[in-house]
Amino acid sequence: MNKLKRQRALVTGASEGIGAAFARNLANRGCDLVLVARRPDRLQRLTTELAASGVEAEPLAADLTKRQALATVEARLQSSERPVDLLVNNAGGASQHGPFLELDPDILCDDAYLNTLTVLRLTRAAAGAMASRGGGSILNVSAGVAFYPLPGAAAYGASKAFVNSLTEALSYELRASRVRVTAVCPGFTRTGAQRRLGMNVDSIPGVLWMQPADVASRALRAAERGRTISSPGAIGAINAFLGHHLPRRVLLPRIARAQLRAAGR
């Protein structure tokens, strides 16, 4: 196994959930951090907490759906001063849940931008800088639903499929540059995001849930091992297998029914 010995990591969506778990895990390894999130108050609290552990924690408040803010983070990734050698593209998710035609189109577009084009641009900025310095790592947080279409959350599922496809292509393209690219595809994770979306979390079996700290730990381990696509845990591996091999005519009706239950319909 190649240990992921990185000096400085930039983590997006760092102020809570999986992003905060990545930040704490990396701080425990002695890795300095650039923490990116859109809410300055939460970001400052985490920065103060991690700085107390002895690492350098640099806050960078940015709403990554805004071009100017995104350009600021790109510039930080490209900077030769206190260079970043691990990018964790964690920011993303959904702001609404339900059938496609019932969703607000402006919010839908903002979510799609964050889940796809933000990942694309930050990956491009980081990969170029890392390649010029002789190596680095990029870890993209995807989702278990990236392996199949997702009726009831169509745009979200499609955006995560984009992340997987981009990761696989770049992992091959950049193989001679010593820049390694990994996507982690967790299933349901207890971040509170599902309740904020109004989902009926009680309809989701307990065995399907993971904790943010476990996702972060498994993701970093996958990157250390040079994995391109990682599905954490036995449930994740089964989910990926079914998504790849089960016929869509069998799979899609079951996914659609599960989405309806999760929406409380």
Protein backbone atom coordinates (compact mmCIF):
# COMPACT_ATOMS: atom_id res chain seq x y z
CA MET A 1 0.00 0.00 0.00
CA ASN A 2 1.24 3.50 -0.82
CA LYS A 3 0.64 5.62 2.27
CA LEU A 4 -1.13 8.89 1.55
CA LYS A 5 1.53 11.15 3.08
CA ARG A 6 0.29 14.57 2.13
CA GLN A 7 1.48 17.85 3.59
CA ARG A 8 -1.55 20.02 2.81
CA ALA A 9 -5.09 19.13 1.79
CA LEU A 10 -7.88 21.33 0.52
CA VAL A 11 -11.32 20.04 1.52
CA THR A 12 -14.52 21.52 0.08
CA GLY A 13 -17.80 21.38 1.96
CA ALA A 14 -15.62 21.13 5.04
CA SER A 15 -17.80 22.68 7.72
CA GLU A 16 -20.02 19.66 8.47
CA GLY A 17 -20.85 16.05 7.63
CA ILE A 18 -18.42 14.06 5.52
CA GLY A 19 -16.29 17.13 4.80
CA ALA A 20 -15.69 17.82 8.49
CA ALA A 21 -14.90 14.13 8.98
CA PHE A 22 -12.26 14.33 6.24
CA ALA A 23 -10.78 17.44 7.85
CA ARG A 24 -10.56 15.84 11.30
CA ASN A 25 -9.10 12.60 9.93
CA LEU A 26 -6.42 14.47 7.99
CA ALA A 27 -5.62 16.73 10.94
CA ASN A 28 -5.08 13.61 13.07
CA ARG A 29 -2.53 12.50 10.48
CA GLY A 30 -0.68 15.83 10.87
CA CYS A 31 -1.82 17.16 7.49
CA ASP A 32 -2.20 20.94 7.16
CA LEU A 33 -5.54 22.04 5.76
CA VAL A 34 -7.31 24.56 3.58
CA LEU A 35 -10.97 24.39 4.58
CA VAL A 36 -13.58 25.58 2.08
CA ALA A 37 -17.24 26.11 2.98
CA ARG A 38 -19.90 28.71 2.30
CA ARG A 39 -20.88 29.45 5.91
CA PRO A 40 -18.12 31.48 7.58
CA ASP A 41 -19.32 30.92 11.16
CA ARG A 42 -19.20 27.10 10.96
CA LEU A 43 -15.99 27.27 8.99
CA GLN A 44 -14.30 29.40 11.63
CA ARG A 45 -15.36 27.06 14.44
CA LEU A 46 -13.84 24.06 12.66
CA THR A 47 -10.69 26.02 11.80
CA THR A 48 -10.21 26.94 15.45
CA GLU A 49 -10.81 23.35 16.57
CA LEU A 50 -8.28 21.87 14.15
CA ALA A 51 -5.66 24.55 14.65
CA ALA A 52 -5.70 23.65 18.35
CA SER A 53 -4.55 20.15 17.38
CA GLY A 54 -1.28 21.58 16.04
CA VAL A 55 -1.90 21.67 12.28
CA GLU A 56 -2.18 24.77 10.11
CA ALA A 57 -5.86 25.26 9.25
CA GLU A 58 -6.60 27.94 6.67
CA PRO A 59 -10.27 28.97 6.25
CA LEU A 60 -11.52 29.92 2.79
CA ALA A 61 -15.19 30.93 2.73
CA ALA A 62 -16.67 30.40 -0.73
CA ASP A 63 -20.03 29.57 -2.29
CA LEU A 64 -18.86 27.24 -5.04
CA THR A 65 -21.97 27.83 -7.16
CA LYS A 66 -20.64 31.37 -7.76
CA ARG A 67 -18.04 31.84 -10.49
CA GLN A 68 -15.95 34.44 -8.64
CA ALA A 69 -15.78 32.34 -5.46
CA LEU A 70 -14.91 29.25 -7.47
CA ALA A 71 -12.09 31.15 -9.21
CA THR A 72 -10.66 32.07 -5.79
CA VAL A 73 -10.48 28.41 -4.80
CA GLU A 74 -8.97 27.49 -8.17
CA ALA A 75 -6.27 30.10 -7.62
CA ARG A 76 -5.52 28.66 -4.18
CA LEU A 77 -5.09 25.20 -5.69
CA GLN A 78 -2.71 26.58 -8.31
CA SER A 79 -0.62 28.59 -5.86
CA SER A 80 3.00 27.55 -5.38
CA GLU A 81 2.98 29.11 -1.90
CA ARG A 82 1.99 26.48 0.69
CA PRO A 83 1.01 24.12 -2.15
CA VAL A 84 -1.93 21.73 -1.93
CA ASP A 85 -1.08 18.11 -2.71
CA LEU A 86 -4.45 16.53 -1.82
CA LEU A 87 -7.81 17.87 -3.05
CA VAL A 88 -10.96 16.44 -1.51
CA ASN A 89 -13.90 17.43 -3.72
CA ASN A 90 -16.60 16.88 -1.12
CA ALA A 91 -18.97 19.83 -1.65
CA GLY A 92 -22.18 18.72 -3.33
CA GLY A 93 -25.56 17.20 -2.75
CA ALA A 94 -29.18 18.15 -3.35
CA SER A 95 -31.24 21.06 -2.08
CA GLN A 96 -34.59 19.51 -3.00
CA HIS A 97 -35.95 16.01 -3.42
CA GLY A 98 -38.75 14.76 -5.63
CA PRO A 99 -39.89 14.10 -9.21
CA PHE A 100 -38.01 16.10 -11.83
CA LEU A 101 -40.96 18.21 -13.02
CA GLU A 102 -41.81 19.25 -9.46
CA LEU A 103 -38.40 20.76 -8.73
CA ASP A 104 -37.49 24.44 -8.94
CA PRO A 105 -35.33 24.74 -12.10
CA ASP A 106 -32.99 27.40 -10.72
CA ILE A 107 -32.19 25.36 -7.62
CA LEU A 108 -31.84 22.28 -9.83
CA CYS A 109 -29.24 24.07 -11.95
CA ASP A 110 -27.31 25.35 -8.94
CA ASP A 111 -27.12 21.83 -7.52
CA ALA A 112 -26.05 20.39 -10.86
CA TYR A 113 -23.35 23.06 -11.21
CA LEU A 114 -21.98 22.29 -7.74
CA ASN A 115 -22.04 18.52 -8.29
CA THR A 116 -20.44 18.54 -11.73
CA LEU A 117 -18.81 21.70 -13.07
CA THR A 118 -17.36 22.73 -9.71
CA VAL A 119 -15.75 19.28 -9.44
CA LEU A 120 -14.53 19.58 -13.03
CA ARG A 121 -12.94 23.00 -12.55
CA LEU A 122 -11.33 22.30 -9.20
CA THR A 123 -10.00 18.98 -10.46
CA ARG A 124 -8.53 20.73 -13.50
CA ALA A 125 -6.87 23.40 -11.38
CA ALA A 126 -5.47 20.90 -8.89
CA ALA A 127 -4.33 18.31 -11.43
CA GLY A 128 -2.37 20.84 -13.47
CA ALA A 129 -0.56 22.21 -10.44
CA MET A 130 0.11 18.76 -9.00
CA ALA A 131 1.43 17.40 -12.30
CA SER A 132 3.87 20.30 -12.58
CA ARG A 133 5.18 19.51 -9.08
CA GLY A 134 5.52 15.78 -9.73
CA GLY A 135 2.41 14.33 -8.14
CA GLY A 136 -0.58 14.59 -5.83
CA SER A 137 -3.97 13.11 -5.10
CA ILE A 138 -7.57 14.07 -5.92
CA LEU A 139 -10.42 12.42 -4.05
CA ASN A 140 -13.92 13.00 -5.42
CA VAL A 141 -16.92 12.26 -3.21
CA SER A 142 -19.50 10.61 -5.46
CA ALA A 143 -22.40 8.43 -4.28
CA GLY A 144 -23.70 4.88 -4.40
CA VAL A 145 -26.43 6.05 -6.77
CA ALA A 146 -23.80 6.87 -9.41
CA PHE A 147 -24.06 3.32 -10.74
CA TYR A 148 -27.64 3.55 -12.05
CA PRO A 149 -30.32 6.08 -13.07
CA LEU A 150 -32.30 7.45 -10.13
CA PRO A 151 -36.01 8.07 -10.81
CA GLY A 152 -37.22 10.48 -8.13
CA ALA A 153 -33.83 12.22 -7.93
CA ALA A 154 -32.82 12.08 -11.58
CA ALA A 155 -30.48 15.06 -11.74
CA TYR A 156 -28.66 14.13 -8.55
CA GLY A 157 -28.02 10.58 -9.74
CA ALA A 158 -26.86 11.83 -13.15
CA SER A 159 -24.47 14.32 -11.54
CA LYS A 160 -22.80 11.58 -9.52
CA ALA A 161 -22.50 9.38 -12.61
CA PHE A 162 -20.62 12.34 -14.16
CA VAL A 163 -18.20 12.35 -11.21
CA ASN A 164 -17.48 8.63 -11.62
CA SER A 165 -16.95 8.89 -15.36
CA LEU A 166 -14.66 11.90 -15.02
CA THR A 167 -12.65 10.19 -12.30
CA GLU A 168 -12.16 6.99 -14.28
CA ALA A 169 -11.08 8.85 -17.41
CA LEU A 170 -8.64 11.11 -15.57
CA SER A 171 -7.19 8.26 -13.55
CA TYR A 172 -6.14 6.72 -16.85
CA GLU A 173 -5.13 10.00 -18.53
CA LEU A 174 -2.95 11.16 -15.65
CA ARG A 175 -1.33 7.81 -14.88
CA ALA A 176 2.12 8.99 -16.06
CA SER A 177 1.96 12.25 -14.08
CA ARG A 178 1.90 10.70 -10.58
CA VAL A 179 -1.42 12.45 -9.97
CA ARG A 180 -3.86 9.89 -8.58
CA VAL A 181 -7.64 10.33 -8.87
CA THR A 182 -10.16 8.38 -6.78
CA ALA A 183 -13.96 8.54 -6.41
CA VAL A 184 -15.63 7.22 -3.28
CA CYS A 185 -19.28 6.19 -3.60
CA PRO A 186 -20.93 6.05 -0.17
CA GLY A 187 -24.55 5.14 0.34
CA PHE A 188 -26.78 6.71 2.98
CA THR A 189 -24.63 8.64 5.43
CA ARG A 190 -25.85 10.16 8.69
CA THR A 191 -25.16 13.81 7.95
CA GLY A 192 -28.68 15.16 8.52
CA ALA A 193 -29.00 16.06 4.84
CA GLN A 194 -31.82 13.57 4.30
CA ARG A 195 -33.99 15.11 7.05
CA ARG A 196 -33.35 18.61 5.69
CA LEU A 197 -34.72 17.39 2.36
CA GLY A 198 -37.84 16.12 4.11
CA MET A 199 -37.06 12.48 3.40
CA ASN A 200 -38.64 9.73 5.47
CA VAL A 201 -35.41 8.38 6.91
CA ASP A 202 -37.32 5.73 8.90
CA SER A 203 -38.09 4.00 5.59
CA ILE A 204 -34.37 3.33 5.06
CA PRO A 205 -33.08 0.15 6.79
CA GLY A 206 -30.44 0.76 9.43
CA VAL A 207 -27.98 -1.62 7.77
CA LEU A 208 -27.72 0.77 4.80
CA TRP A 209 -26.41 3.70 6.85
CA MET A 210 -22.79 4.78 7.38
CA GLN A 211 -21.23 7.38 9.66
CA PRO A 212 -19.28 10.32 8.12
CA ALA A 213 -16.06 9.38 9.94
CA ASP A 214 -16.23 5.86 8.50
CA VAL A 215 -16.79 7.19 4.97
CA ALA A 216 -13.79 9.51 5.27
CA SER A 217 -11.54 6.79 6.68
CA ARG A 218 -12.48 4.28 4.00
CA ALA A 219 -12.13 6.89 1.25
CA LEU A 220 -8.62 7.86 2.31
CA ARG A 221 -7.68 4.18 2.55
CA ALA A 222 -8.96 3.64 -1.01
CA ALA A 223 -6.85 6.56 -2.23
CA GLU A 224 -3.81 5.13 -0.45
CA ARG A 225 -4.36 1.85 -2.27
CA GLY A 226 -4.62 3.57 -5.64
CA ARG A 227 -8.27 2.63 -6.16
CA THR A 228 -10.07 4.55 -8.89
CA ILE A 229 -13.67 3.82 -7.81
CA SER A 230 -14.39 2.76 -4.23
CA SER A 231 -17.72 1.61 -2.77
CA PRO A 232 -17.29 1.49 1.01
CA GLY A 233 -18.35 -1.64 2.87
CA ALA A 234 -20.12 -4.82 1.87
CA ILE A 235 -23.40 -3.02 1.16
CA GLY A 236 -21.58 -0.59 -1.09
CA ALA A 237 -19.95 -3.40 -3.04
CA ILE A 238 -23.31 -5.17 -3.49
CA ASN A 239 -24.94 -1.91 -4.59
CA ALA A 240 -22.23 -1.30 -7.20
CA PHE A 241 -22.48 -4.89 -8.48
CA LEU A 242 -26.27 -4.67 -8.87
CA GLY A 243 -26.00 -1.28 -10.53
CA HIS A 244 -23.57 -2.65 -13.09
CA HIS A 245 -25.26 -6.00 -13.78
CA LEU A 246 -28.97 -5.97 -12.94
CA PRO A 247 -31.12 -5.23 -16.01
CA ARG A 248 -32.56 -1.70 -15.95
CA ARG A 249 -36.09 -3.02 -16.54
CA VAL A 250 -35.76 -4.89 -13.24
CA LEU A 251 -33.81 -2.26 -11.34
CA LEU A 252 -35.59 1.00 -12.18
CA PRO A 253 -39.09 0.15 -10.88
CA ARG A 254 -37.58 -0.91 -7.56
CA ILE A 255 -35.53 2.28 -7.29
CA ALA A 256 -38.58 4.39 -8.15
CA ARG A 257 -40.64 2.69 -5.42
CA ALA A 258 -37.85 3.19 -2.85
CA GLN A 259 -37.66 6.86 -3.79
CA LEU A 260 -41.41 7.24 -3.27
CA ARG A 261 -41.14 5.66 0.19
CA ALA A 262 -38.25 7.94 1.06
CA ALA A 263 -40.32 10.93 -0.04
CA GLY A 264 -43.15 9.75 2.20
CA ARG A 265 -45.53 9.18 -0.71
